[in-house]
Protein backbone atom coordinates (compact mmCIF):
# COMPACT_ATOMS: atom_id res chain seq x y z
CA MET A 1 -61.60 136.06 224.48
CA ALA A 2 -65.13 136.81 225.68
CA LYS A 3 -66.86 134.21 227.78
CA GLU A 4 -69.90 132.76 226.02
CA ARG A 5 -73.15 133.39 227.84
CA SER A 6 -75.14 130.33 228.87
CA PRO A 7 -78.70 130.08 227.52
CA LEU A 8 -79.73 129.60 231.17
CA THR A 9 -78.31 132.97 232.21
CA ARG A 10 -81.03 135.42 233.17
CA SER A 11 -81.02 139.21 233.24
CA GLU A 12 -81.27 141.06 236.55
CA ASP A 13 -84.91 141.90 235.76
CA ASP A 14 -85.69 138.23 235.06
CA ARG A 15 -83.98 137.24 238.29
CA ARG A 16 -86.05 139.74 240.24
CA VAL A 17 -89.29 138.35 238.80
CA LEU A 18 -88.21 134.78 239.56
CA ILE A 19 -87.24 135.73 243.11
CA VAL A 20 -90.69 137.21 243.79
CA TRP A 21 -92.28 133.97 242.55
CA ALA A 22 -89.90 131.78 244.58
CA VAL A 23 -90.48 133.80 247.76
CA ALA A 24 -94.25 133.55 247.26
CA CYS A 25 -93.92 129.77 247.02
CA ALA A 26 -91.67 129.54 250.08
CA GLU A 27 -93.97 131.76 252.12
CA ARG A 28 -96.75 129.22 251.66
CA ALA A 29 -94.65 126.59 253.44
CA LEU A 30 -93.04 128.93 255.97
CA PRO A 31 -95.76 128.54 258.65
CA LEU A 32 -95.16 124.79 258.65
CA PHE A 33 -91.46 125.30 259.36
CA GLU A 34 -92.15 127.95 261.97
CA GLU A 35 -94.58 125.62 263.72
CA ALA A 36 -91.93 122.91 263.84
CA ALA A 37 -89.14 125.32 264.85
CA PRO A 38 -90.68 128.22 266.77
CA GLY A 39 -88.38 131.18 267.25
CA ASP A 40 -86.08 130.27 264.38
CA ASP A 41 -86.29 133.31 262.12
CA ARG A 42 -83.49 132.38 259.70
CA PRO A 43 -85.82 131.23 256.89
CA ARG A 44 -87.85 134.44 257.19
CA GLU A 45 -84.61 136.51 257.17
CA ALA A 46 -83.45 134.76 253.99
CA LEU A 47 -86.79 135.46 252.30
CA ALA A 48 -86.63 139.10 253.38
CA GLY A 49 -83.18 139.35 251.82
CA ALA A 50 -84.46 137.85 248.59
CA MET A 51 -87.28 140.37 248.47
CA ALA A 52 -84.81 143.20 249.13
CA PHE A 53 -82.96 142.03 246.00
CA ALA A 54 -86.23 141.91 244.05
CA ARG A 55 -86.92 145.53 245.03
CA GLY A 56 -83.40 146.57 243.99
CA GLU A 57 -82.28 147.27 247.58
CA MET A 58 -79.60 144.55 247.69
CA ARG A 59 -77.18 143.10 245.15
CA ILE A 60 -77.42 139.42 244.22
CA GLY A 61 -74.00 138.56 245.69
CA VAL A 62 -75.09 139.79 249.12
CA VAL A 63 -78.35 137.84 248.85
CA ARG A 64 -76.49 134.65 247.91
CA GLN A 65 -74.18 135.10 250.89
CA LEU A 66 -77.16 135.67 253.20
CA ALA A 67 -78.95 132.58 251.90
CA ALA A 68 -75.82 130.42 252.18
CA THR A 69 -75.19 131.56 255.75
CA ARG A 70 -78.77 130.80 256.74
CA ARG A 71 -78.77 127.45 254.95
CA ARG A 72 -75.49 126.28 256.52
CA SER A 73 -76.69 126.92 260.05
CA LEU A 74 -80.20 125.62 259.57
CA THR A 75 -81.60 122.15 260.06
CA TRP A 76 -85.02 122.01 258.49
CA PRO A 77 -87.57 120.13 260.52
CA HIS A 78 -89.05 117.35 258.43
CA THR A 79 -92.75 116.94 258.66
CA PRO A 80 -95.14 115.15 256.30
CA ALA A 81 -97.04 118.43 255.75
CA VAL A 82 -93.89 120.16 254.53
CA SER A 83 -93.13 117.29 252.16
CA ARG A 84 -96.56 117.65 250.56
CA CYS A 85 -96.55 121.45 250.28
CA THR A 86 -96.79 122.66 246.69
CA CYS A 87 -96.79 126.09 245.12
């Protein structure tokens, strides 16, 4: 029996477009995090991995693993400026 596809499931092309948009949003806030945690390049590495997926250089499973690894080991600095940042 074939698994029914969720209406929320996106094609690879759709995912790539969404990733570019999400990275652009995150990059706007990135300087705030880097100011609060100088020398911590994990957020930038995760965004680079996402863009590699968007360019077709990396498969989504590898990108998810990269993001999860970075997220698990990262404590985001909380600052009022970061809380107010919008895309």
